[in-house]
Amino acid sequence: MKVDGRCHCGYITYEAEIDPEKILICNCTDCQTLSGSAFRVVAYTREDAFKLLSGELKIYVKTSESGNKRPQSFCPECGAPIYATADGTGPKVYSLRVGSIRQRDQIAPNVQVWSRSAQPWIAHIGSMRKFEKQPQIDQTGKVSLGDAGVRSKWTASFSRGH
């Protein structure tokens, strides 16, 4: 599947070929920390199937639990992650960050890795209350969610600084 993507600010743009059957969720603690979320979703592409169209990526090399070096590519302007790959010579496989792919609504993960590190609340995401957009939050931390019971719970929580 041909995809294209960009960083948040638009400095980095790219196109790539991915296999939509090889999309995964990584729950490792490194992905949690580097993404600022509970997990990261990745799509694999080969180095020769990835084309950087604009910008120049910044690289941060992390050391994994196994001791392997993993270069992390991101936008130097806005910090948006683009891909990670293996260190060293030879052909590379890039794990594209699905959040940077424009067609992300057309691909879905089909496997999870590092499940031992998964946050336990992830299993309940489907049953959580949902809102189409960000609720209103005033300068005091009061959140307007439209339901008095939930509003009072959230207002109390934000008011205490939690």
C-alpha atoms as a PDB file:
ATOM      1  CA  MET A   1       0.000   0.000   0.000  1.00  0.00           C
ATOM      2  CA  LYS A   2       1.386   3.376  -0.973  1.00  0.00           C
ATOM      3  CA  VAL A   3       1.259   5.905   1.875  1.00  0.00           C
ATOM      4  CA  ASP A   4       2.498   9.406   2.469  1.00  0.00           C
ATOM      5  CA  GLY A   5       3.064  11.259   5.664  1.00  0.00           C
ATOM      6  CA  ARG A   6       4.457  14.237   7.442  1.00  0.00           C
ATOM      7  CA  CYS A   7       5.465  15.593  10.794  1.00  0.00           C
ATOM      8  CA  HIS A   8       3.132  17.888  12.719  1.00  0.00           C
ATOM      9  CA  CYS A   9       4.639  21.143  11.413  1.00  0.00           C
ATOM     10  CA  GLY A  10       5.063  19.936   7.802  1.00  0.00           C
ATOM     11  CA  TYR A  11       8.863  20.351   7.627  1.00  0.00           C
ATOM     12  CA  ILE A  12       9.253  16.579   7.076  1.00  0.00           C
ATOM     13  CA  THR A  13       7.245  14.886   4.315  1.00  0.00           C
ATOM     14  CA  TYR A  14       7.672  11.382   2.936  1.00  0.00           C
ATOM     15  CA  GLU A  15       6.129   8.572   0.931  1.00  0.00           C
ATOM     16  CA  ALA A  16       6.507   4.836   1.420  1.00  0.00           C
ATOM     17  CA  GLU A  17       5.171   1.402   0.558  1.00  0.00           C
ATOM     18  CA  ILE A  18       3.866  -0.574   3.531  1.00  0.00           C
ATOM     19  CA  ASP A  19       2.224  -3.951   4.023  1.00  0.00           C
ATOM     20  CA  PRO A  20      -1.134  -3.160   5.718  1.00  0.00           C
ATOM     21  CA  GLU A  21      -1.118  -6.702   7.152  1.00  0.00           C
ATOM     22  CA  LYS A  22       2.026  -5.892   9.152  1.00  0.00           C
ATOM     23  CA  ILE A  23       0.889  -3.150  11.521  1.00  0.00           C
ATOM     24  CA  LEU A  24       1.587  -3.590  15.200  1.00  0.00           C
ATOM     25  CA  ILE A  25       1.160  -2.021  18.591  1.00  0.00           C
ATOM     26  CA  CYS A  26       4.307  -1.884  20.687  1.00  0.00           C
ATOM     27  CA  ASN A  27       3.759  -1.715  24.455  1.00  0.00           C
ATOM     28  CA  CYS A  28       7.439  -1.592  25.455  1.00  0.00           C
ATOM     29  CA  THR A  29       8.399   1.025  28.002  1.00  0.00           C
ATOM     30  CA  ASP A  30      10.747   2.718  25.508  1.00  0.00           C
ATOM     31  CA  CYS A  31       7.850   3.263  23.078  1.00  0.00           C
ATOM     32  CA  GLN A  32       5.694   4.511  25.930  1.00  0.00           C
ATOM     33  CA  THR A  33       8.339   7.053  26.924  1.00  0.00           C
ATOM     34  CA  LEU A  34       9.343   8.105  23.401  1.00  0.00           C
ATOM     35  CA  SER A  35       5.743   8.470  22.201  1.00  0.00           C
ATOM     36  CA  GLY A  36       4.420  10.085  25.374  1.00  0.00           C
ATOM     37  CA  SER A  37       1.590   7.566  25.305  1.00  0.00           C
ATOM     38  CA  ALA A  38       0.701   4.094  26.573  1.00  0.00           C
ATOM     39  CA  PHE A  39       1.860   2.433  23.333  1.00  0.00           C
ATOM     40  CA  ARG A  40       3.054   3.144  19.808  1.00  0.00           C
ATOM     41  CA  VAL A  41       1.575   1.907  16.516  1.00  0.00           C
ATOM     42  CA  VAL A  42       4.051   1.106  13.728  1.00  0.00           C
ATOM     43  CA  ALA A  43       3.937   0.076  10.055  1.00  0.00           C
ATOM     44  CA  TYR A  44       6.932  -1.564   8.435  1.00  0.00           C
ATOM     45  CA  THR A  45       8.610  -0.451   5.244  1.00  0.00           C
ATOM     46  CA  ARG A  46      11.950  -1.214   3.620  1.00  0.00           C
ATOM     47  CA  GLU A  47      14.613   1.458   3.342  1.00  0.00           C
ATOM     48  CA  ASP A  48      14.361   1.319  -0.463  1.00  0.00           C
ATOM     49  CA  ALA A  49      10.551   1.765  -0.255  1.00  0.00           C
ATOM     50  CA  PHE A  50      10.811   4.962   1.811  1.00  0.00           C
ATOM     51  CA  LYS A  51      11.437   8.346   0.198  1.00  0.00           C
ATOM     52  CA  LEU A  52      12.029  11.506   2.201  1.00  0.00           C
ATOM     53  CA  LEU A  53      10.420  14.294   0.158  1.00  0.00           C
ATOM     54  CA  SER A  54      11.298  17.311   2.293  1.00  0.00           C
ATOM     55  CA  GLY A  55      13.280  18.255   5.347  1.00  0.00           C
ATOM     56  CA  GLU A  56      16.152  16.584   7.131  1.00  0.00           C
ATOM     57  CA  LEU A  57      15.508  14.130   9.945  1.00  0.00           C
ATOM     58  CA  LYS A  58      17.208  14.355  13.327  1.00  0.00           C
ATOM     59  CA  ILE A  59      18.393  11.065  14.821  1.00  0.00           C
ATOM     60  CA  TYR A  60      18.431   9.949  18.436  1.00  0.00           C
ATOM     61  CA  VAL A  61      20.003   6.531  19.102  1.00  0.00           C
ATOM     62  CA  LYS A  62      18.418   4.653  21.986  1.00  0.00           C
ATOM     63  CA  THR A  63      19.764   1.451  23.499  1.00  0.00           C
ATOM     64  CA  SER A  64      17.105  -1.242  23.846  1.00  0.00           C
ATOM     65  CA  GLU A  65      16.745  -3.725  26.700  1.00  0.00           C
ATOM     66  CA  SER A  66      18.740  -6.251  24.630  1.00  0.00           C
ATOM     67  CA  GLY A  67      21.574  -3.753  24.175  1.00  0.00           C
ATOM     68  CA  ASN A  68      20.784  -3.154  20.487  1.00  0.00           C
ATOM     69  CA  LYS A  69      21.068   0.391  19.204  1.00  0.00           C
ATOM     70  CA  ARG A  70      17.867   1.753  17.591  1.00  0.00           C
ATOM     71  CA  PRO A  71      18.138   5.063  15.700  1.00  0.00           C
ATOM     72  CA  GLN A  72      14.936   7.092  16.185  1.00  0.00           C
ATOM     73  CA  SER A  73      14.200   9.595  13.397  1.00  0.00           C
ATOM     74  CA  PHE A  74      12.140  12.683  14.099  1.00  0.00           C
ATOM     75  CA  CYS A  75      11.484  16.223  12.926  1.00  0.00           C
ATOM     76  CA  PRO A  76      14.049  18.675  14.325  1.00  0.00           C
ATOM     77  CA  GLU A  77      11.448  21.455  14.279  1.00  0.00           C
ATOM     78  CA  CYS A  78       8.366  19.983  15.998  1.00  0.00           C
ATOM     79  CA  GLY A  79       9.790  16.740  17.431  1.00  0.00           C
ATOM     80  CA  ALA A  80       7.246  14.462  15.744  1.00  0.00           C
ATOM     81  CA  PRO A  81       8.569  10.883  15.462  1.00  0.00           C
ATOM     82  CA  ILE A  82       8.779   9.487  11.907  1.00  0.00           C
ATOM     83  CA  TYR A  83      10.494   6.070  12.100  1.00  0.00           C
ATOM     84  CA  ALA A  84      13.020   3.868  13.876  1.00  0.00           C
ATOM     85  CA  THR A  85      15.416   1.366  12.350  1.00  0.00           C
ATOM     86  CA  ALA A  86      18.332  -0.892  13.229  1.00  0.00           C
ATOM     87  CA  ASP A  87      21.869   0.395  13.670  1.00  0.00           C
ATOM     88  CA  GLY A  88      24.713  -0.837  11.491  1.00  0.00           C
ATOM     89  CA  THR A  89      25.184  -1.666   7.836  1.00  0.00           C
ATOM     90  CA  GLY A  90      23.045  -3.635   5.434  1.00  0.00           C
ATOM     91  CA  PRO A  91      19.468  -3.260   4.221  1.00  0.00           C
ATOM     92  CA  LYS A  92      17.181  -1.550   6.710  1.00  0.00           C
ATOM     93  CA  VAL A  93      13.574  -1.965   7.731  1.00  0.00           C
ATOM     94  CA  TYR A  94      11.898   1.199   8.985  1.00  0.00           C
ATOM     95  CA  SER A  95       9.128   1.072  11.556  1.00  0.00           C
ATOM     96  CA  LEU A  96       7.071   4.074  10.501  1.00  0.00           C
ATOM     97  CA  ARG A  97       5.097   5.841  13.200  1.00  0.00           C
ATOM     98  CA  VAL A  98       1.489   5.373  12.094  1.00  0.00           C
ATOM     99  CA  GLY A  99       0.480   8.731  13.560  1.00  0.00           C
ATOM    100  CA  SER A 100       2.591  10.417  10.871  1.00  0.00           C
ATOM    101  CA  ILE A 101       0.896   8.515   7.991  1.00  0.00           C
ATOM    102  CA  ARG A 102      -1.890  10.456   6.250  1.00  0.00           C
ATOM    103  CA  GLN A 103      -3.808   7.242   5.490  1.00  0.00           C
ATOM    104  CA  ARG A 104      -3.747   6.079   9.136  1.00  0.00           C
ATOM    105  CA  ASP A 105      -7.531   5.703   9.113  1.00  0.00           C
ATOM    106  CA  GLN A 106      -7.150   2.960   6.477  1.00  0.00           C
ATOM    107  CA  ILE A 107      -4.748   0.746   8.436  1.00  0.00           C
ATOM    108  CA  ALA A 108      -5.239  -1.076  11.712  1.00  0.00           C
ATOM    109  CA  PRO A 109      -2.861  -3.024  13.929  1.00  0.00           C
ATOM    110  CA  ASN A 110      -3.267  -6.792  14.013  1.00  0.00           C
ATOM    111  CA  VAL A 111      -0.749  -7.773  16.697  1.00  0.00           C
ATOM    112  CA  GLN A 112       0.655  -6.415  19.965  1.00  0.00           C
ATOM    113  CA  VAL A 113       4.223  -6.893  21.178  1.00  0.00           C
ATOM    114  CA  TRP A 114       5.767  -6.347  24.597  1.00  0.00           C
ATOM    115  CA  SER A 115       2.435  -7.200  26.229  1.00  0.00           C
ATOM    116  CA  ARG A 116       4.190  -7.641  29.576  1.00  0.00           C
ATOM    117  CA  SER A 117       4.636  -3.840  29.617  1.00  0.00           C
ATOM    118  CA  ALA A 118       1.108  -2.978  28.469  1.00  0.00           C
ATOM    119  CA  GLN A 119      -0.820  -0.627  30.715  1.00  0.00           C
ATOM    120  CA  PRO A 120      -3.644  -2.624  32.319  1.00  0.00           C
ATOM    121  CA  TRP A 121      -6.318  -0.011  31.559  1.00  0.00           C
ATOM    122  CA  ILE A 122      -5.878  -0.457  27.787  1.00  0.00           C
ATOM    123  CA  ALA A 123      -8.264  -3.432  27.910  1.00  0.00           C
ATOM    124  CA  HIS A 124     -11.049  -1.026  28.946  1.00  0.00           C
ATOM    125  CA  ILE A 125     -10.626   1.685  26.306  1.00  0.00           C
ATOM    126  CA  GLY A 126     -13.672   0.517  24.361  1.00  0.00           C
ATOM    127  CA  SER A 127     -15.951   0.971  27.367  1.00  0.00           C
ATOM    128  CA  MET A 128     -14.769   4.484  28.271  1.00  0.00           C
ATOM    129  CA  ARG A 129     -17.012   7.474  27.699  1.00  0.00           C
ATOM    130  CA  LYS A 130     -16.148   9.226  24.430  1.00  0.00           C
ATOM    131  CA  PHE A 131     -16.345  12.824  23.229  1.00  0.00           C
ATOM    132  CA  GLU A 132     -16.061  13.947  19.604  1.00  0.00           C
ATOM    133  CA  LYS A 133     -13.676  16.795  20.501  1.00  0.00           C
ATOM    134  CA  GLN A 134     -11.768  18.285  23.430  1.00  0.00           C
ATOM    135  CA  PRO A 135     -14.153  19.431  26.188  1.00  0.00           C
ATOM    136  CA  GLN A 136     -14.052  23.027  27.412  1.00  0.00           C
ATOM    137  CA  ILE A 137     -11.585  23.613  30.269  1.00  0.00           C
ATOM    138  CA  ASP A 138     -11.613  27.031  31.924  1.00  0.00           C
ATOM    139  CA  GLN A 139      -8.683  28.756  33.675  1.00  0.00           C
ATOM    140  CA  THR A 140      -9.625  27.228  37.039  1.00  0.00           C
ATOM    141  CA  GLY A 141      -9.494  23.688  35.629  1.00  0.00           C
ATOM    142  CA  LYS A 142     -13.271  23.262  35.443  1.00  0.00           C
ATOM    143  CA  VAL A 143     -14.155  20.849  32.648  1.00  0.00           C
ATOM    144  CA  SER A 144     -17.514  21.085  30.872  1.00  0.00           C
ATOM    145  CA  LEU A 145     -18.471  17.588  29.707  1.00  0.00           C
ATOM    146  CA  GLY A 146     -22.217  17.985  29.487  1.00  0.00           C
ATOM    147  CA  ASP A 147     -23.089  15.458  32.221  1.00  0.00           C
ATOM    148  CA  ALA A 148     -23.405  16.750  35.781  1.00  0.00           C
ATOM    149  CA  GLY A 149     -22.134  13.546  37.427  1.00  0.00           C
ATOM    150  CA  VAL A 150     -19.079  13.323  35.243  1.00  0.00           C
ATOM    151  CA  ARG A 151     -18.535  17.084  35.313  1.00  0.00           C
ATOM    152  CA  SER A 152     -18.419  17.208  39.097  1.00  0.00           C
ATOM    153  CA  LYS A 153     -15.998  14.262  39.209  1.00  0.00           C
ATOM    154  CA  TRP A 154     -13.708  15.873  36.613  1.00  0.00           C
ATOM    155  CA  THR A 155     -14.004  19.350  38.123  1.00  0.00           C
ATOM    156  CA  ALA A 156     -13.011  18.044  41.533  1.00  0.00           C
ATOM    157  CA  SER A 157     -10.104  16.123  40.039  1.00  0.00           C
ATOM    158  CA  PHE A 158      -8.725  19.060  38.046  1.00  0.00           C
ATOM    159  CA  SER A 159      -9.330  21.526  40.853  1.00  0.00           C
ATOM    160  CA  ARG A 160      -7.091  19.461  43.147  1.00  0.00           C
ATOM    161  CA  GLY A 161      -4.356  19.548  40.520  1.00  0.00           C
ATOM    162  CA  HIS A 162      -4.574  15.871  39.502  1.00  0.00           C
END
